[in-house]
Amino acid sequence: MKFNPFPILETNRLLLRQIVTSDADDIFIIRSDATVMRYIPRPIAQTVDDVLPLIAMIEDYLVKGERINWAMELKATGKLIGMIGFVQIKEQHFRAEVGYALSANFHRNGYMLEALKRIIQYGFEEMNLHSIEAIVDADNVASNALLRHAGFVKEAYFREDFYHNTSFRNSIHYGLLRSDSAIDHKRNNEK
């Protein structure tokens, strides 16, 4: 898939833009926070330098057209408060997996739902996806609620299918079909 030029998206309060090296300090705040990283099976960043390979990897996947991630920037301040994107794209199946992280200072304010709805729209309308999946830790109450609120349906529950923070964890797999989404319903009503 080609993302050139990079698709800049907007919501009421957010600018979803390309992640760049100068975002390292804000990404470090997210990736070094044990609360944020509790359910994300990745190492916690110890220094700003620890996030530079992540930024390079995001750029590399973008250039190859294999993944796309957006910086979630507050329009009011220009501050990066999170990241969201399609962390795996299965072009041959018209399917992509969504992933996200939000700075703890901005939890429970609706920012992630706002960003998620916008990239769902982009995925179905611009990337021509048939379905979007999300895989979350079964104990991540907030993320599970977010996905259900966005219209995702629980498709599977896997017991102890990954190892994170010294224990085997359970995961829930969610899916959203284009035909389940408000985007498809809007399109059908316009016909």
Protein backbone atom coordinates (compact mmCIF):
# COMPACT_ATOMS: atom_id res chain seq x y z
CA MET A 1 0.00 0.00 0.00
CA LYS A 2 1.30 3.47 -0.75
CA PHE A 3 0.96 6.33 1.72
CA ASN A 4 2.64 9.05 -0.29
CA PRO A 5 1.91 11.81 0.39
CA PHE A 6 1.27 10.95 4.02
CA PRO A 7 -2.47 11.24 4.78
CA ILE A 8 -2.99 13.96 7.38
CA LEU A 9 -6.34 13.45 9.11
CA GLU A 10 -8.30 15.71 11.41
CA THR A 11 -10.93 15.36 14.11
CA ASN A 12 -12.55 18.05 16.22
CA ARG A 13 -9.63 18.24 18.63
CA LEU A 14 -6.83 16.29 16.97
CA LEU A 15 -4.48 16.47 14.04
CA LEU A 16 -3.38 12.99 12.99
CA ARG A 17 -0.04 13.46 11.27
CA GLN A 18 3.17 11.64 10.45
CA ILE A 19 5.44 10.65 13.33
CA VAL A 20 8.86 12.32 13.03
CA THR A 21 12.14 12.19 14.94
CA SER A 22 11.40 15.46 16.74
CA ASP A 23 8.49 13.65 18.45
CA ALA A 24 10.96 11.55 20.46
CA ASP A 25 10.49 13.42 23.75
CA ASP A 26 6.69 13.10 23.64
CA ILE A 27 6.86 9.45 22.57
CA PHE A 28 9.29 8.79 25.41
CA ILE A 29 6.69 10.11 27.88
CA ILE A 30 4.26 7.49 26.58
CA ARG A 31 6.69 4.58 26.19
CA SER A 32 8.36 5.11 29.58
CA ASP A 33 5.11 5.21 31.56
CA ALA A 34 4.45 1.89 33.29
CA THR A 35 0.72 2.66 33.42
CA VAL A 36 0.50 3.15 29.65
CA MET A 37 2.78 0.20 28.88
CA ARG A 38 1.10 -2.18 31.33
CA TYR A 39 -0.84 -3.93 28.56
CA ILE A 40 1.51 -3.26 25.64
CA PRO A 41 3.94 -6.16 25.23
CA ARG A 42 6.96 -4.01 24.44
CA PRO A 43 9.92 -2.97 26.59
CA ILE A 44 9.50 0.20 28.65
CA ALA A 45 11.76 2.98 27.37
CA GLN A 46 14.47 4.01 29.82
CA THR A 47 15.82 6.99 27.83
CA VAL A 48 14.73 9.13 24.89
CA ASP A 49 17.28 7.23 22.79
CA ASP A 50 15.22 4.06 23.37
CA VAL A 51 12.37 5.42 21.23
CA LEU A 52 14.54 6.41 18.26
CA PRO A 53 14.60 2.84 16.84
CA LEU A 54 10.80 2.76 17.17
CA ILE A 55 10.47 5.98 15.17
CA ALA A 56 12.88 4.61 12.53
CA MET A 57 10.90 1.34 12.36
CA ILE A 58 7.62 3.25 11.94
CA GLU A 59 9.17 5.22 9.07
CA ASP A 60 10.62 2.08 7.47
CA TYR A 61 7.27 0.27 7.52
CA LEU A 62 5.59 3.40 6.13
CA VAL A 63 8.05 3.64 3.22
CA LYS A 64 7.48 -0.05 2.45
CA GLY A 65 3.69 0.46 2.65
CA GLU A 66 3.39 -2.29 5.26
CA ARG A 67 2.07 -0.19 8.17
CA ILE A 68 0.91 3.33 8.91
CA ASN A 69 0.98 5.14 12.23
CA TRP A 70 -0.21 8.62 13.07
CA ALA A 71 0.91 10.99 15.79
CA MET A 72 -2.12 12.21 17.74
CA GLU A 73 -1.45 15.92 18.13
CA LEU A 74 -3.71 18.26 20.10
CA LYS A 75 -4.78 21.05 17.77
CA ALA A 76 -4.96 23.50 20.65
CA THR A 77 -1.35 23.02 21.80
CA GLY A 78 0.54 21.15 19.05
CA LYS A 79 1.54 18.50 21.63
CA LEU A 80 1.77 14.83 20.68
CA ILE A 81 -0.43 12.95 23.17
CA GLY A 82 -0.57 9.52 21.57
CA MET A 83 -0.09 7.30 18.56
CA ILE A 84 -2.57 5.27 16.56
CA GLY A 85 -2.31 3.29 13.38
CA PHE A 86 -2.65 0.15 11.37
CA VAL A 87 0.14 -1.93 12.89
CA GLN A 88 -0.36 -4.78 10.48
CA ILE A 89 -1.90 -4.61 7.02
CA LYS A 90 -3.00 -7.76 5.21
CA GLU A 91 -3.60 -6.29 1.76
CA GLN A 92 -4.54 -9.61 0.17
CA HIS A 93 -7.34 -9.97 2.74
CA PHE A 94 -8.41 -6.29 2.78
CA ARG A 95 -7.81 -6.39 6.54
CA ALA A 96 -5.69 -4.37 8.96
CA GLU A 97 -4.98 -4.45 12.67
CA VAL A 98 -5.32 -1.26 14.67
CA GLY A 99 -3.02 -0.39 17.57
CA TYR A 100 -2.75 2.67 19.80
CA ALA A 101 -1.22 4.25 22.89
CA LEU A 102 -2.19 7.42 24.73
CA SER A 103 -0.31 9.46 27.32
CA ALA A 104 -1.78 8.76 30.77
CA ASN A 105 -2.39 12.48 31.33
CA PHE A 106 -5.01 12.37 28.57
CA HIS A 107 -6.86 9.16 29.45
CA ARG A 108 -10.65 9.24 29.82
CA ASN A 109 -11.21 12.37 27.74
CA GLY A 110 -12.47 10.72 24.54
CA TYR A 111 -9.33 11.43 22.52
CA MET A 112 -8.68 7.82 21.59
CA LEU A 113 -12.27 7.19 20.50
CA GLU A 114 -12.11 10.35 18.38
CA ALA A 115 -8.88 9.20 16.69
CA LEU A 116 -10.06 5.60 16.33
CA LYS A 117 -13.28 6.59 14.57
CA ARG A 118 -11.29 8.75 12.14
CA ILE A 119 -8.81 6.06 11.17
CA ILE A 120 -11.62 3.52 10.86
CA GLN A 121 -13.19 5.88 8.35
CA TYR A 122 -9.86 6.25 6.54
CA GLY A 123 -9.35 2.48 6.53
CA PHE A 124 -12.71 1.71 4.99
CA GLU A 125 -13.00 4.67 2.62
CA GLU A 126 -9.40 5.26 1.48
CA MET A 127 -7.64 1.92 2.03
CA ASN A 128 -10.68 -0.07 0.87
CA LEU A 129 -10.49 -2.38 3.87
CA HIS A 130 -13.15 -5.02 4.38
CA SER A 131 -12.36 -5.50 8.07
CA ILE A 132 -10.32 -4.07 10.91
CA GLU A 133 -9.09 -6.13 13.82
CA ALA A 134 -7.77 -5.27 17.27
CA ILE A 135 -5.98 -7.55 19.72
CA VAL A 136 -5.94 -6.49 23.37
CA ASP A 137 -4.98 -7.87 26.75
CA ALA A 138 -8.11 -9.37 28.29
CA ASP A 139 -7.50 -7.39 31.51
CA ASN A 140 -7.30 -4.04 29.73
CA VAL A 141 -10.78 -2.88 30.70
CA ALA A 142 -10.46 0.58 29.12
CA SER A 143 -9.27 -0.70 25.74
CA ASN A 144 -11.93 -3.42 25.64
CA ALA A 145 -14.63 -0.81 26.37
CA LEU A 146 -13.19 1.58 23.76
CA LEU A 147 -13.36 -1.05 21.03
CA ARG A 148 -16.91 -2.08 21.88
CA HIS A 149 -17.95 1.59 21.94
CA ALA A 150 -16.43 2.01 18.47
CA GLY A 151 -18.54 -0.90 17.17
CA PHE A 152 -15.99 -3.72 17.29
CA VAL A 153 -17.28 -7.22 18.01
CA LYS A 154 -15.48 -9.76 20.17
CA GLU A 155 -14.39 -12.56 17.84
CA ALA A 156 -12.13 -14.71 20.01
CA TYR A 157 -10.65 -15.14 23.46
CA PHE A 158 -7.21 -16.72 23.62
CA ARG A 159 -5.96 -18.11 26.90
CA GLU A 160 -2.37 -17.39 27.88
CA ASP A 161 -1.36 -16.79 24.27
CA PHE A 162 1.42 -14.28 24.96
CA TYR A 163 4.03 -13.64 27.63
CA HIS A 164 4.40 -10.15 29.09
CA ASN A 165 5.67 -8.73 32.39
CA THR A 166 6.69 -12.14 33.74
CA SER A 167 3.33 -13.83 33.16
CA PHE A 168 1.30 -15.49 30.46
CA ARG A 169 -1.55 -13.22 29.40
CA ASN A 170 -4.94 -13.76 27.79
CA SER A 171 -5.99 -11.77 24.74
CA ILE A 172 -9.27 -10.80 23.17
CA HIS A 173 -9.51 -10.41 19.40
CA TYR A 174 -12.03 -7.91 18.08
CA GLY A 175 -13.21 -7.28 14.55
CA LEU A 176 -15.14 -4.60 12.72
CA LEU A 177 -16.51 -5.30 9.25
CA ARG A 178 -17.16 -2.51 6.82
CA SER A 179 -20.79 -3.69 6.74
CA ASP A 180 -20.95 -3.26 10.56
CA SER A 181 -19.65 0.29 10.48
CA ALA A 182 -21.55 3.54 10.32
CA ILE A 183 -19.54 4.33 7.18
CA ASP A 184 -21.09 1.46 5.25
CA HIS A 185 -24.58 2.26 6.56
CA LYS A 186 -24.17 5.89 5.48
CA ARG A 187 -23.02 4.78 2.00
CA ASN A 188 -26.00 2.42 1.62
CA ASN A 189 -28.45 5.14 2.66
CA GLU A 190 -27.04 7.49 0.02
CA LYS A 191 -27.80 5.00 -2.78
